[in-house]
Amino acid sequence: MKNNKDTYVLIGLGNPGSSYSDSRHNIGQKIVSMYIDKYHAKFKKQNNLLIASMKIHEKQIFCLQSTEFLNNSGKSYYNLINKEGVQNDKIILIADDIDINVGKLLIQKSKSHGGNNGIKSLFTYINDEPLLRIRIGVGRPNIDGKASFDPEEVSKWVLSNPSKEEKENLNKILVQAILSIDTIIEFGIDFAMNKYNGLNQ
């Protein structure tokens, strides 16, 4: 295995298929798609991954989406991470987060999956050093005026599409998320946390 300090892996979590493409759970994939569009890159299919490779700020970047469902996607991500010798502090994982309000983001170093099955799947394979997370708030379902913690309601919520009002809030944060990726790569995670987390208080 290589030990590559100048290579980043950018993972956008989500499920495959058009029926899920606009769901809350696919926000990570949407951000990665927008990011590669910004740099006029293209995905190429390799095994169970869509991979776009590019050079940014003199760093090699692999942008990844899985063609498998979230629960089973970890092994494919790990195979590329292991092959390229990418360290955990160069893995940028973007996913929706029900414990953050809609239209907010949180950048952090984390070893926690936060209940997200896609992150759980990846953590099955990689070592337990913290990786870099961009958490995109989608909020929790509201049942009778209260945030719901019921697993069935939460599952339906993340697999469904956001409302028109939510989309307006999310569209603003998608732009911030894309800018934050470049900031992490060029200036580091601590600089990015100080810059973007403060905007979302």
Protein backbone atom coordinates (compact mmCIF):
# COMPACT_ATOMS: atom_id res chain seq x y z
CA MET A 1 0.00 0.00 0.00
CA LYS A 2 1.19 3.52 -0.77
CA ASN A 3 1.41 6.22 1.89
CA ASN A 4 0.19 9.21 -0.04
CA LYS A 5 0.08 12.50 1.87
CA ASP A 6 -0.89 14.61 -1.16
CA THR A 7 -3.95 12.69 -2.30
CA TYR A 8 -7.51 13.41 -1.16
CA VAL A 9 -10.60 11.27 -1.53
CA LEU A 10 -13.92 13.11 -1.68
CA ILE A 11 -16.91 10.84 -0.98
CA GLY A 12 -20.50 11.93 -1.56
CA LEU A 13 -22.88 9.51 0.09
CA GLY A 14 -26.18 8.54 -1.48
CA ASN A 15 -28.18 5.76 -3.08
CA PRO A 16 -28.10 4.89 -6.80
CA GLY A 17 -31.04 5.40 -9.14
CA SER A 18 -33.20 8.30 -10.29
CA SER A 19 -35.87 7.64 -7.65
CA TYR A 20 -33.39 8.67 -4.93
CA SER A 21 -31.41 11.36 -6.75
CA ASP A 22 -33.23 14.33 -5.18
CA SER A 23 -33.76 12.79 -1.74
CA ARG A 24 -32.33 14.19 1.47
CA HIS A 25 -30.09 11.12 1.77
CA ASN A 26 -28.42 11.92 -1.57
CA ILE A 27 -27.25 15.42 -0.76
CA GLY A 28 -23.67 14.18 -0.44
CA GLN A 29 -23.75 12.79 -3.97
CA LYS A 30 -25.32 15.99 -5.27
CA ILE A 31 -22.52 18.12 -3.81
CA VAL A 32 -19.80 15.90 -5.30
CA SER A 33 -21.53 16.04 -8.71
CA MET A 34 -21.65 19.84 -8.51
CA TYR A 35 -18.00 19.92 -7.44
CA ILE A 36 -16.73 17.95 -10.41
CA ASP A 37 -18.90 20.06 -12.73
CA LYS A 38 -17.12 23.13 -11.35
CA TYR A 39 -13.83 21.70 -12.58
CA HIS A 40 -15.27 20.22 -15.80
CA ALA A 41 -14.34 16.69 -14.76
CA LYS A 42 -16.28 13.53 -15.64
CA PHE A 43 -17.12 10.37 -13.77
CA LYS A 44 -15.83 7.05 -15.07
CA LYS A 45 -17.25 3.77 -13.82
CA GLN A 46 -14.79 1.41 -12.17
CA ASN A 47 -16.20 -1.68 -10.48
CA ASN A 48 -18.85 -0.36 -8.05
CA LEU A 49 -17.66 3.24 -8.09
CA LEU A 50 -18.03 6.34 -10.19
CA ILE A 51 -14.63 8.05 -10.06
CA ALA A 52 -13.58 11.52 -11.21
CA SER A 53 -9.87 12.25 -10.92
CA MET A 54 -8.46 15.77 -10.96
CA LYS A 55 -5.59 17.96 -9.75
CA ILE A 56 -6.52 20.94 -7.56
CA HIS A 57 -4.11 23.18 -5.65
CA GLU A 58 -1.33 20.76 -6.69
CA LYS A 59 -3.15 17.89 -4.92
CA GLN A 60 -4.55 14.74 -6.50
CA ILE A 61 -8.29 14.45 -5.83
CA PHE A 62 -10.45 11.37 -6.34
CA CYS A 63 -14.17 12.21 -6.26
CA LEU A 64 -16.28 9.15 -5.56
CA GLN A 65 -19.88 8.02 -5.73
CA SER A 66 -21.01 4.45 -5.21
CA THR A 67 -23.28 2.49 -7.54
CA GLU A 68 -24.26 0.36 -4.54
CA PHE A 69 -26.78 1.23 -1.85
CA LEU A 70 -25.46 3.09 1.19
CA ASN A 71 -25.49 0.09 3.52
CA ASN A 72 -23.09 -1.83 1.25
CA SER A 73 -20.93 0.95 -0.17
CA GLY A 74 -18.04 0.96 2.32
CA LYS A 75 -15.92 -1.82 0.81
CA SER A 76 -15.73 -0.19 -2.62
CA TYR A 77 -14.67 3.13 -1.12
CA TYR A 78 -12.11 1.38 1.05
CA ASN A 79 -10.61 -0.51 -1.90
CA LEU A 80 -9.67 2.74 -3.64
CA ILE A 81 -8.55 4.42 -0.39
CA ASN A 82 -6.30 1.45 0.37
CA LYS A 83 -4.96 1.20 -3.19
CA GLU A 84 -4.01 4.90 -3.29
CA GLY A 85 -2.67 4.95 0.28
CA VAL A 86 -4.93 7.82 1.31
CA GLN A 87 -4.75 8.71 4.99
CA ASN A 88 -7.90 9.29 7.02
CA ASP A 89 -7.13 12.98 7.41
CA LYS A 90 -7.36 13.29 3.62
CA ILE A 91 -10.76 11.58 3.34
CA ILE A 92 -13.55 14.17 3.00
CA LEU A 93 -16.93 12.55 3.60
CA ILE A 94 -20.07 14.51 2.71
CA ALA A 95 -23.45 13.32 3.96
CA ASP A 96 -26.85 14.50 5.13
CA ASP A 97 -27.37 14.85 8.87
CA ILE A 98 -30.73 14.73 10.64
CA ASP A 99 -29.33 16.23 13.85
CA ILE A 100 -28.44 19.52 12.15
CA ASN A 101 -31.10 22.03 11.12
CA VAL A 102 -31.98 22.40 7.45
CA GLY A 103 -29.63 24.73 5.61
CA LYS A 104 -26.78 24.46 8.12
CA LEU A 105 -23.46 22.67 7.72
CA LEU A 106 -20.82 21.48 10.14
CA ILE A 107 -17.23 20.63 9.22
CA GLN A 108 -15.34 18.43 11.66
CA LYS A 109 -12.80 15.71 12.25
CA SER A 110 -14.83 12.72 13.34
CA LYS A 111 -14.76 9.02 14.17
CA SER A 112 -18.56 8.91 14.61
CA HIS A 113 -21.05 7.57 12.07
CA GLY A 114 -23.97 9.45 13.68
CA GLY A 115 -26.36 6.64 12.76
CA ASN A 116 -25.75 7.03 9.01
CA ASN A 117 -25.58 3.55 7.48
CA GLY A 118 -23.32 4.66 4.65
CA ILE A 119 -20.75 5.95 7.13
CA LYS A 120 -21.16 2.80 9.25
CA SER A 121 -20.36 0.72 6.18
CA LEU A 122 -17.14 2.66 5.49
CA PHE A 123 -16.07 2.50 9.14
CA THR A 124 -16.28 -1.29 8.95
CA TYR A 125 -13.16 -1.24 6.77
CA ILE A 126 -11.02 1.82 7.47
CA ASN A 127 -8.91 2.32 10.61
CA ASP A 128 -10.31 4.25 13.55
CA GLU A 129 -8.42 7.50 12.99
CA PRO A 130 -10.72 10.52 12.50
CA LEU A 131 -11.65 11.48 8.95
CA LEU A 132 -12.98 14.80 7.66
CA ARG A 133 -16.74 15.24 7.54
CA ILE A 134 -18.95 17.86 5.97
CA ARG A 135 -22.34 17.34 7.60
CA ILE A 136 -25.28 18.86 5.72
CA GLY A 137 -28.33 19.53 7.88
CA VAL A 138 -31.65 18.10 6.72
CA GLY A 139 -33.38 18.17 10.13
CA ARG A 140 -35.69 15.55 11.57
CA PRO A 141 -39.27 14.74 10.54
CA ASN A 142 -41.85 16.71 12.49
CA ILE A 143 -44.67 14.63 13.99
CA ASP A 144 -47.40 16.47 15.90
CA GLY A 145 -45.17 19.50 16.28
CA LYS A 146 -42.19 17.58 17.65
CA ALA A 147 -38.98 16.25 16.12
CA SER A 148 -39.37 12.50 15.63
CA PHE A 149 -36.80 9.91 16.67
CA ASP A 150 -38.87 6.99 15.38
CA PRO A 151 -36.63 4.89 13.07
CA GLU A 152 -39.39 4.30 10.50
CA GLU A 153 -40.29 7.98 10.30
CA VAL A 154 -36.62 8.95 10.04
CA SER A 155 -36.04 6.41 7.26
CA LYS A 156 -39.01 7.71 5.25
CA TRP A 157 -37.83 11.26 5.84
CA VAL A 158 -34.28 10.88 4.56
CA LEU A 159 -35.40 8.85 1.54
CA SER A 160 -37.96 11.46 0.50
CA ASN A 161 -37.42 14.77 -1.26
CA PRO A 162 -37.16 18.08 0.62
CA SER A 163 -39.98 20.60 0.36
CA LYS A 164 -39.72 23.69 -1.84
CA GLU A 165 -38.84 25.84 1.18
CA GLU A 166 -36.21 23.34 2.33
CA LYS A 167 -34.68 23.26 -1.15
CA GLU A 168 -34.21 27.04 -1.07
CA ASN A 169 -32.29 26.75 2.21
CA LEU A 170 -30.33 23.72 1.01
CA ASN A 171 -29.31 25.36 -2.27
CA LYS A 172 -27.53 28.10 -0.31
CA ILE A 173 -25.65 25.59 1.80
CA LEU A 174 -24.66 23.50 -1.24
CA VAL A 175 -22.65 26.46 -2.52
CA GLN A 176 -20.95 26.85 0.88
CA ALA A 177 -20.18 23.13 0.95
CA ILE A 178 -18.47 23.28 -2.45
CA LEU A 179 -16.39 26.29 -1.38
CA SER A 180 -15.48 24.53 1.86
CA ILE A 181 -14.04 21.55 -0.03
CA ASP A 182 -11.55 23.80 -1.81
CA THR A 183 -10.74 25.51 1.48
CA ILE A 184 -9.98 22.19 3.18
CA ILE A 185 -7.73 21.10 0.33
CA GLU A 186 -5.84 24.40 0.05
CA PHE A 187 -5.69 25.62 3.66
CA GLY A 188 -6.53 22.62 5.85
CA ILE A 189 -9.42 21.42 7.99
CA ASP A 190 -8.85 23.79 10.94
CA PHE A 191 -8.97 26.87 8.72
CA ALA A 192 -12.14 25.55 7.04
CA MET A 193 -13.85 24.83 10.36
CA ASN A 194 -13.11 28.34 11.61
CA LYS A 195 -14.35 29.92 8.40
CA TYR A 196 -17.53 27.96 7.67
CA ASN A 197 -18.79 26.61 10.99
CA GLY A 198 -19.05 30.16 12.32
CA LEU A 199 -21.43 31.09 9.49
CA ASN A 200 -23.94 28.50 10.62
CA GLN A 201 -24.52 29.38 14.25
